[in-house]
Protein backbone atom coordinates (compact mmCIF):
# COMPACT_ATOMS: atom_id res chain seq x y z
CA MET A 1 -217.47 69.48 105.60
CA LYS A 2 -215.08 72.12 106.62
CA ALA A 3 -211.62 71.53 104.23
CA LYS A 4 -209.42 71.72 107.72
CA ASN A 5 -210.57 69.27 109.35
CA LEU A 6 -210.60 66.88 107.10
CA ILE A 7 -206.45 67.36 106.85
CA VAL A 8 -206.65 67.67 110.52
CA SER A 9 -208.13 64.70 111.39
CA PHE A 10 -206.42 63.04 108.39
CA SER A 11 -202.90 63.99 109.82
CA VAL A 12 -203.44 62.88 113.38
CA LEU A 13 -205.11 59.01 112.33
CA MET A 14 -201.68 59.01 109.45
CA ILE A 15 -199.23 60.10 112.18
CA ALA A 16 -201.18 57.45 114.80
CA TRP A 17 -200.63 54.49 112.53
CA LEU A 18 -196.98 55.38 111.10
CA LEU A 19 -196.02 55.46 115.70
CA LEU A 20 -198.26 51.91 115.95
CA ASN A 21 -196.89 49.72 112.99
CA TRP A 22 -193.68 52.08 113.23
CA THR A 23 -192.61 50.68 109.56
CA LEU A 24 -192.49 52.20 105.69
CA ASP A 25 -193.44 49.70 104.64
CA PRO A 26 -195.54 51.26 101.06
CA LEU A 27 -197.86 48.56 101.73
CA ILE A 28 -198.44 49.83 105.08
CA VAL A 29 -198.45 53.30 104.73
CA ALA A 30 -201.17 53.11 101.48
CA ILE A 31 -203.45 50.96 103.93
CA GLY A 32 -203.13 53.94 106.56
CA ILE A 33 -203.41 56.43 103.75
CA GLY A 34 -206.64 54.75 102.57
CA LEU A 35 -207.96 54.18 106.33
CA SER A 36 -207.06 57.79 107.20
CA LEU A 37 -208.73 59.23 104.70
CA LEU A 38 -211.85 56.82 105.02
CA ILE A 39 -212.44 57.51 108.62
CA SER A 40 -212.02 61.03 108.36
CA VAL A 41 -214.42 61.74 105.62
CA LEU A 42 -216.67 59.49 107.16
CA PHE A 43 -216.89 60.40 110.67
CA CYS A 44 -215.47 64.36 110.61
CA SER A 45 -218.42 65.77 108.56
CA LYS A 46 -219.90 67.65 111.56
CA CYS A 47 -216.87 67.50 113.49
CA THR A 48 -215.93 70.34 115.24
CA VAL A 49 -213.06 69.69 117.69
CA PHE A 50 -210.41 71.25 115.38
CA GLU A 51 -212.24 74.59 114.53
CA GLY A 52 -209.80 76.99 116.50
CA ILE A 53 -206.70 74.38 115.85
CA LYS A 54 -204.02 77.45 113.61
CA LEU A 55 -201.83 75.85 110.76
CA GLY A 56 -198.61 77.04 109.77
CA PRO A 57 -195.08 77.55 110.52
CA LYS A 58 -195.79 79.30 113.55
CA ALA A 59 -198.65 76.85 115.10
CA PHE A 60 -195.82 74.00 114.37
CA ALA A 61 -193.38 75.63 116.19
CA TYR A 62 -195.66 76.38 120.06
CA THR A 63 -196.61 72.83 119.34
CA PHE A 64 -192.78 71.80 119.87
CA VAL A 65 -192.59 74.48 122.65
CA TYR A 66 -195.82 72.77 124.02
CA ILE A 67 -194.32 69.09 123.94
CA LEU A 68 -190.95 70.20 125.55
CA VAL A 69 -192.86 72.65 128.27
CA PHE A 70 -195.14 69.53 129.14
CA ILE A 71 -191.52 67.22 129.58
CA ARG A 72 -190.73 69.43 131.73
CA GLU A 73 -193.53 70.05 134.18
CA LEU A 74 -194.31 65.83 133.62
CA ILE A 75 -190.35 65.61 135.20
CA LYS A 76 -190.53 68.21 137.69
CA ALA A 77 -194.20 66.63 138.53
CA ASN A 78 -192.74 63.28 139.02
CA MET A 79 -189.61 64.43 140.76
CA ASP A 80 -191.78 65.95 143.56
CA VAL A 81 -194.18 62.91 143.95
CA THR A 82 -191.67 60.55 144.10
CA LYS A 83 -190.35 62.70 147.17
CA ARG A 84 -193.29 62.48 148.92
CA VAL A 85 -193.60 59.02 147.99
CA LEU A 86 -190.37 58.52 149.92
CA THR A 87 -191.04 60.74 152.71
CA PRO A 88 -193.42 59.56 154.94
CA GLY A 89 -193.37 62.21 157.01
CA LEU A 90 -193.64 64.66 154.15
CA ASN A 91 -197.13 66.72 155.20
CA ILE A 92 -199.79 65.82 152.24
CA GLU A 93 -202.91 67.60 152.20
CA PRO A 94 -204.61 66.59 148.97
CA GLY A 95 -207.31 68.42 148.19
CA ILE A 96 -209.62 69.87 145.03
CA VAL A 97 -209.21 73.50 143.63
CA LYS A 98 -211.32 75.50 141.62
CA ILE A 99 -209.26 76.68 138.73
CA LYS A 100 -210.28 79.52 135.58
CA THR A 101 -209.24 79.27 132.49
CA ASN A 102 -209.87 82.02 130.19
CA LEU A 103 -209.12 79.01 126.87
CA LYS A 104 -212.41 79.35 124.66
CA SER A 105 -211.57 76.78 121.61
CA LYS A 106 -212.91 73.06 123.06
CA MET A 107 -209.08 71.45 121.47
CA ALA A 108 -207.55 74.27 123.74
CA ARG A 109 -209.34 73.35 126.77
CA LEU A 110 -209.29 69.63 126.36
CA ILE A 111 -205.50 69.96 125.67
CA LEU A 112 -205.51 71.33 128.89
CA ALA A 113 -207.61 69.59 130.89
CA ASN A 114 -205.50 65.98 129.43
CA SER A 115 -202.03 67.69 130.27
CA ILE A 116 -203.43 68.35 133.96
CA THR A 117 -204.37 64.70 134.18
CA LEU A 118 -201.29 63.47 132.66
CA THR A 119 -199.35 65.26 135.04
CA PRO A 120 -198.58 63.61 138.61
CA GLY A 121 -200.22 64.91 141.58
CA THR A 122 -203.01 66.90 139.63
CA PHE A 123 -205.94 64.94 137.91
CA THR A 124 -209.16 67.18 136.15
CA ILE A 125 -212.48 65.89 137.92
CA HIS A 126 -214.94 68.17 136.28
CA VAL A 127 -215.19 70.60 133.68
CA GLU A 128 -217.75 73.37 133.74
CA GLY A 129 -217.92 76.27 132.01
CA GLU A 130 -214.57 78.16 132.16
CA TYR A 131 -213.88 76.38 135.61
CA PHE A 132 -212.41 73.39 135.84
CA TYR A 133 -211.54 71.00 139.04
CA ILE A 134 -208.85 69.61 139.93
CA HIS A 135 -207.71 66.86 142.13
CA TRP A 136 -204.38 68.40 143.77
CA ILE A 137 -201.68 65.45 146.04
CA SER A 138 -201.12 68.87 147.81
CA THR A 139 -202.75 71.78 147.55
CA GLU A 140 -200.79 74.83 147.44
CA ALA A 141 -203.73 76.90 146.76
CA VAL A 142 -207.23 77.42 147.18
CA ASP A 143 -207.75 80.92 146.34
CA ILE A 144 -209.23 80.12 142.31
CA GLU A 145 -206.14 82.46 140.80
CA GLU A 146 -203.34 81.07 142.57
CA ALA A 147 -204.07 77.75 141.63
CA THR A 148 -205.17 78.71 138.24
CA GLN A 149 -201.28 80.03 138.21
CA LYS A 150 -199.57 77.04 139.60
CA ILE A 151 -201.68 74.36 137.54
CA ALA A 152 -202.62 76.02 134.56
CA ASN A 153 -200.82 79.48 133.28
CA THR A 154 -198.30 77.90 132.00
CA PHE A 155 -200.04 75.24 129.71
CA GLU A 156 -202.87 77.65 128.91
CA ASN A 157 -200.12 80.67 128.02
CA ILE A 158 -198.62 78.65 124.79
CA LEU A 159 -202.35 77.20 123.98
CA LYS A 160 -203.70 80.91 123.47
CA GLU A 161 -201.20 81.51 120.85
CA LEU A 162 -201.60 77.79 119.16
CA TYR A 163 -205.37 77.72 119.13
CA GLU A 164 -206.90 81.33 119.76
């Protein structure tokens, strides 16, 4: 078992525990530590999803930047979808586009696919090798490179710094 996988899985589980309980009561924290450690040891012995993750100050800084960029893109997409809902005559051309990612890390690709899905107006429907198939509320580009630029590049550039 790799120590890094254990540390990352323990940290993720502990943060989730603290957020779900929303208390720093010593008993609750102790239970969270015990459960997080037990789950990490039992289920992460063959865990490979965290292998590409970088730990260190630069990674934490890029994580913070990624969260800010994601929030910005989320707000932009919400405003776009709201405009489309409130303007019935607006031409909407939904479709499925193919984008290409250069990310190699499993975790980076997972985060990219989920970030695309969580952004209103886009939905990752299939991943095949280096290609993602995205349902887009208003297909603005059908060319792979242009669609990749519009949908994924903002996220992908930061994820490269975190995972590759």
